[in-house]
Amino acid sequence: MFARVLEPCPDDPAADAAAYQAMDHRQVNTTFVDDLVSGGKVGPRVIDLGCGPAGIPLILGERWRELEETGSLSDSNFADEQLQIMAVDFSVDMLELASFEIELNGMQDLVWLQQIDLTDPESLQEDLAQTIISNTVLHHLPDPITGIQVAMRALMPGGRIFIRDLFRPSSREEVERLVEEHTDPKSEGDLALEYAPSQLLRQSLLASLTLEEAREMVASVGIPAEAVQMTSDRHWTLDWTSPGGGSASIG
């Protein structure tokens, strides 16, 4: 086992955001939403921590709107009330891309944006939403537990946290195997090394937590360690519903 290696800070945040958006995340984002909606209650108030260009909020909004239009919400895990998604990120460049995508897809009534710093455990108010989600964001943080602390603070009693992140393999050879398996050299074209999908995935895997580290992290804030499970060859997922009940509003 080797130690976690933090990702380098991007020299050009705007170029970094553009490179991320240029990659095709539709399949992994759709899988995330499928697993979220099939695995338990969702909403009506949802916060996406580290939304990037809003890929997951838009798919989630699409799913809710389809069910609402066909009168099928009561047969799903969505709350019957209108979905409200607060999509948050620290990067201004990511939020600008997200704003464009939200308007392009006509989702202004379901999704709105806010800039927050996930390295600050108190960056969100308490008891804001019934569902807190995040996809492959924690490994970007110097200390990933701050993202968990933000989620715990913003979660309403009886609410659900659904967080997925990358898993750090036990060897660098395994890192390279995963990079080779999950990136297509043809898609990299003439991209600079720092923006090539293979290099971005490599850096992310090196910066991620092992399953044991993720379980120790959540246990330290009162979440059962077994709430974290491996859900692919490169992902672990935290799916946990807090005890209690209550109500609050955001916006």
Protein backbone atom coordinates (compact mmCIF):
# COMPACT_ATOMS: atom_id res chain seq x y z
CA MET A 1 0.00 0.00 0.00
CA PHE A 2 1.26 3.47 -0.84
CA ALA A 3 0.34 6.79 0.76
CA ARG A 4 -2.26 9.15 -0.65
CA VAL A 5 -0.85 11.70 -3.12
CA LEU A 6 -2.77 14.98 -3.33
CA GLU A 7 -3.69 16.28 -6.76
CA PRO A 8 -1.77 19.32 -8.07
CA CYS A 9 -3.66 22.61 -8.09
CA PRO A 10 -4.59 23.60 -11.66
CA ASP A 11 -2.54 26.45 -13.11
CA ASP A 12 -5.53 27.57 -15.21
CA PRO A 13 -8.87 26.91 -13.45
CA ALA A 14 -10.88 27.94 -16.52
CA ALA A 15 -9.00 25.50 -18.75
CA ASP A 16 -9.33 22.83 -16.09
CA ALA A 17 -13.11 23.31 -15.95
CA ALA A 18 -13.38 23.26 -19.74
CA ALA A 19 -11.33 20.05 -19.94
CA TYR A 20 -13.57 18.39 -17.36
CA GLN A 21 -16.73 19.38 -19.21
CA ALA A 22 -15.30 18.11 -22.50
CA MET A 23 -15.07 14.58 -21.10
CA ASP A 24 -18.13 12.35 -21.48
CA HIS A 25 -19.50 11.78 -17.97
CA ARG A 26 -23.06 10.97 -19.05
CA GLN A 27 -22.82 7.23 -18.39
CA VAL A 28 -21.24 7.47 -14.92
CA ASN A 29 -23.58 10.32 -13.95
CA THR A 30 -26.60 8.34 -15.11
CA THR A 31 -25.44 5.33 -13.10
CA PHE A 32 -25.05 7.56 -10.06
CA VAL A 33 -28.61 8.86 -10.43
CA ASP A 34 -29.97 5.35 -11.08
CA ASP A 35 -28.35 4.05 -7.89
CA LEU A 36 -29.47 7.09 -5.90
CA VAL A 37 -33.12 6.88 -6.95
CA SER A 38 -33.41 3.10 -6.73
CA GLY A 39 -31.69 2.87 -3.35
CA GLY A 40 -33.89 5.07 -1.17
CA LYS A 41 -35.88 8.27 -0.69
CA VAL A 42 -34.83 11.38 -2.59
CA GLY A 43 -35.77 14.97 -1.81
CA PRO A 44 -37.69 17.06 -2.14
CA ARG A 45 -34.68 19.21 -1.17
CA VAL A 46 -31.36 17.95 -2.51
CA ILE A 47 -27.86 19.41 -2.23
CA ASP A 48 -25.14 18.31 -4.65
CA LEU A 49 -21.71 18.95 -3.12
CA GLY A 50 -19.17 19.72 -5.84
CA CYS A 51 -21.60 19.87 -8.74
CA GLY A 52 -19.09 20.79 -11.47
CA PRO A 53 -20.97 21.69 -14.67
CA ALA A 54 -24.21 20.32 -13.11
CA GLY A 55 -24.27 16.99 -14.92
CA ILE A 56 -25.90 15.06 -12.08
CA PRO A 57 -28.44 17.75 -11.06
CA LEU A 58 -29.61 17.95 -14.67
CA ILE A 59 -30.08 14.18 -15.00
CA LEU A 60 -31.81 14.07 -11.63
CA GLY A 61 -34.07 16.92 -12.70
CA GLU A 62 -34.85 15.18 -15.98
CA ARG A 63 -35.79 12.02 -14.12
CA TRP A 64 -38.07 13.88 -11.70
CA ARG A 65 -39.72 15.87 -14.48
CA GLU A 66 -40.48 12.75 -16.52
CA LEU A 67 -42.15 11.12 -13.53
CA GLU A 68 -44.04 14.28 -12.61
CA GLU A 69 -45.37 14.71 -16.17
CA THR A 70 -46.59 11.10 -16.30
CA GLY A 71 -48.08 11.18 -12.81
CA SER A 72 -45.70 8.47 -11.62
CA LEU A 73 -43.99 10.23 -8.71
CA SER A 74 -45.98 8.30 -6.11
CA ASP A 75 -44.59 5.05 -7.54
CA SER A 76 -40.98 6.24 -7.19
CA ASN A 77 -38.58 7.10 -4.38
CA PHE A 78 -38.93 10.81 -5.12
CA ALA A 79 -40.89 12.93 -2.67
CA ASP A 80 -44.27 14.07 -3.99
CA GLU A 81 -43.31 17.74 -3.62
CA GLN A 82 -41.43 19.63 -6.33
CA LEU A 83 -37.76 18.73 -6.46
CA GLN A 84 -35.39 21.50 -5.36
CA ILE A 85 -31.68 20.99 -6.08
CA MET A 86 -29.02 23.27 -4.66
CA ALA A 87 -25.90 22.62 -6.72
CA VAL A 88 -22.77 23.93 -5.01
CA ASP A 89 -19.13 24.22 -6.04
CA PHE A 90 -16.10 26.31 -5.11
CA SER A 91 -14.90 26.88 -8.69
CA VAL A 92 -16.38 30.00 -10.27
CA ASP A 93 -15.49 28.59 -13.68
CA MET A 94 -17.41 25.38 -12.99
CA LEU A 95 -20.40 27.36 -11.77
CA GLU A 96 -20.39 29.46 -14.93
CA LEU A 97 -20.48 26.29 -17.03
CA ALA A 98 -23.23 24.90 -14.78
CA SER A 99 -25.29 28.07 -15.15
CA PHE A 100 -25.12 27.81 -18.94
CA GLU A 101 -26.14 24.13 -18.89
CA ILE A 102 -29.03 24.75 -16.49
CA GLU A 103 -30.42 27.51 -18.70
CA LEU A 104 -29.82 25.49 -21.89
CA ASN A 105 -31.81 22.58 -20.44
CA GLY A 106 -34.59 24.76 -19.01
CA MET A 107 -33.97 23.60 -15.44
CA GLN A 108 -33.98 26.98 -13.68
CA ASP A 109 -37.10 25.99 -11.75
CA LEU A 110 -35.45 22.87 -10.32
CA VAL A 111 -31.74 23.70 -9.96
CA TRP A 112 -29.94 26.72 -8.56
CA LEU A 113 -26.30 27.38 -7.80
CA GLN A 114 -24.24 28.50 -4.84
CA GLN A 115 -20.51 28.87 -4.31
CA ILE A 116 -19.20 27.21 -1.15
CA ASP A 117 -15.86 25.96 0.13
CA LEU A 118 -15.97 22.27 1.06
CA THR A 119 -12.78 22.64 3.08
CA ASP A 120 -14.85 24.65 5.58
CA PRO A 121 -17.05 22.27 7.61
CA GLU A 122 -19.48 25.12 8.36
CA SER A 123 -19.84 26.37 4.78
CA LEU A 124 -23.55 25.41 4.75
CA GLN A 125 -26.25 26.06 7.32
CA GLU A 126 -27.72 23.28 9.42
CA ASP A 127 -30.74 21.17 8.42
CA LEU A 128 -31.03 22.35 4.82
CA ALA A 129 -32.03 19.28 2.84
CA GLN A 130 -33.42 15.77 3.04
CA THR A 131 -30.84 14.41 0.59
CA ILE A 132 -27.14 15.27 0.29
CA ILE A 133 -25.29 13.86 -2.70
CA SER A 134 -21.75 14.08 -4.05
CA ASN A 135 -19.94 12.24 -6.83
CA THR A 136 -16.14 11.83 -7.01
CA VAL A 137 -15.44 15.09 -5.19
CA LEU A 138 -13.98 14.12 -1.82
CA HIS A 139 -10.62 13.04 -3.26
CA HIS A 140 -10.10 16.60 -4.50
CA LEU A 141 -10.09 17.87 -0.89
CA PRO A 142 -6.88 18.00 1.16
CA ASP A 143 -8.82 16.47 4.06
CA PRO A 144 -11.89 14.63 2.70
CA ILE A 145 -13.61 14.51 6.08
CA THR A 146 -14.48 18.21 5.75
CA GLY A 147 -16.83 17.29 2.90
CA ILE A 148 -18.50 14.69 5.11
CA GLN A 149 -18.82 17.26 7.89
CA VAL A 150 -20.49 19.71 5.50
CA ALA A 151 -22.95 16.99 4.49
CA MET A 152 -23.71 16.04 8.09
CA ARG A 153 -24.33 19.67 9.05
CA ALA A 154 -26.66 20.36 6.11
CA LEU A 155 -28.60 17.09 6.42
CA MET A 156 -32.03 17.26 7.99
CA PRO A 157 -32.92 14.70 10.68
CA GLY A 158 -34.07 11.53 8.96
CA GLY A 159 -32.31 12.57 5.76
CA ARG A 160 -30.06 10.58 3.45
CA ILE A 161 -26.43 11.01 2.44
CA PHE A 162 -25.38 9.41 -0.84
CA ILE A 163 -21.71 9.99 -1.64
CA ARG A 164 -19.60 8.15 -4.19
CA ASP A 165 -15.87 8.53 -4.68
CA LEU A 166 -12.89 6.82 -6.20
CA PHE A 167 -10.96 4.07 -4.44
CA ARG A 168 -7.17 4.06 -4.08
CA PRO A 169 -5.81 0.66 -5.12
CA SER A 170 -3.14 -1.16 -3.17
CA SER A 171 -0.42 -0.68 -5.78
CA ARG A 172 0.60 1.72 -8.51
CA GLU A 173 0.45 -1.19 -10.96
CA GLU A 174 -3.26 -1.50 -10.18
CA VAL A 175 -3.67 2.24 -10.70
CA GLU A 176 -2.19 1.91 -14.17
CA ARG A 177 -4.40 -1.08 -14.95
CA LEU A 178 -7.51 0.92 -14.06
CA VAL A 179 -6.32 3.92 -16.06
CA GLU A 180 -5.78 1.72 -19.10
CA GLU A 181 -9.15 0.01 -18.68
CA HIS A 182 -11.23 3.13 -18.17
CA THR A 183 -9.71 5.66 -20.56
CA ASP A 184 -9.52 5.64 -24.34
CA PRO A 185 -6.21 6.89 -25.79
CA LYS A 186 -8.05 7.94 -28.96
CA SER A 187 -10.10 10.45 -26.96
CA GLU A 188 -7.02 12.30 -25.74
CA GLY A 189 -5.96 13.61 -29.14
CA ASP A 190 -3.54 16.51 -28.82
CA LEU A 191 -4.50 17.38 -25.24
CA ALA A 192 -1.70 18.49 -22.95
CA LEU A 193 -0.74 15.80 -20.46
CA GLU A 194 -2.27 17.71 -17.53
CA TYR A 195 -5.71 17.67 -19.22
CA ALA A 196 -5.57 14.16 -20.70
CA PRO A 197 -8.33 11.91 -19.24
CA SER A 198 -5.77 9.22 -18.43
CA GLN A 199 -3.65 11.62 -16.39
CA LEU A 200 -6.68 13.09 -14.62
CA LEU A 201 -7.91 9.63 -13.65
CA ARG A 202 -4.40 8.61 -12.54
CA GLN A 203 -4.09 11.66 -10.29
CA SER A 204 -7.58 11.10 -8.89
CA LEU A 205 -6.90 7.46 -8.03
CA LEU A 206 -3.65 8.41 -6.30
CA ALA A 207 -5.49 11.09 -4.28
CA SER A 208 -8.40 8.86 -3.27
CA LEU A 209 -9.05 6.95 -0.06
CA THR A 210 -8.89 3.21 0.43
CA LEU A 211 -12.06 1.45 1.55
CA GLU A 212 -10.65 1.16 5.07
CA GLU A 213 -9.77 4.87 5.19
CA ALA A 214 -13.25 5.83 3.95
CA ARG A 215 -14.89 3.65 6.59
CA GLU A 216 -12.70 5.07 9.36
CA MET A 217 -13.54 8.58 8.16
CA VAL A 218 -17.32 8.16 8.29
CA ALA A 219 -17.17 6.27 11.58
CA SER A 220 -15.39 9.25 13.13
CA VAL A 221 -18.52 11.39 12.57
CA GLY A 222 -21.01 8.78 13.78
CA ILE A 223 -21.91 7.03 10.53
CA PRO A 224 -21.67 3.20 10.68
CA ALA A 225 -18.56 2.02 8.84
CA GLU A 226 -20.60 -0.61 6.96
CA ALA A 227 -22.56 2.19 5.26
CA VAL A 228 -19.52 2.44 2.94
CA GLN A 229 -19.32 -0.33 0.35
CA MET A 230 -17.34 -0.96 -2.82
CA THR A 231 -19.73 -0.43 -5.74
CA SER A 232 -17.38 -0.86 -8.72
CA ASP A 233 -13.77 -1.75 -9.41
CA ARG A 234 -12.83 1.88 -8.73
CA HIS A 235 -15.61 3.37 -6.59
CA TRP A 236 -16.84 3.18 -3.01
CA THR A 237 -20.26 4.53 -2.05
CA LEU A 238 -21.63 5.86 1.22
CA ASP A 239 -25.41 5.42 1.45
CA TRP A 240 -26.77 6.27 4.89
CA THR A 241 -30.02 7.58 6.32
CA SER A 242 -29.83 9.45 9.60
CA PRO A 243 -32.23 8.74 12.46
CA GLY A 244 -34.99 11.15 13.40
CA GLY A 245 -37.30 13.42 11.46
CA GLY A 246 -38.11 17.04 10.98
CA SER A 247 -38.57 19.75 8.36
CA ALA A 248 -36.75 22.77 7.00
CA SER A 249 -36.55 24.80 3.81
CA ILE A 250 -33.84 26.16 1.57
CA GLY A 251 -33.70 28.89 -1.00
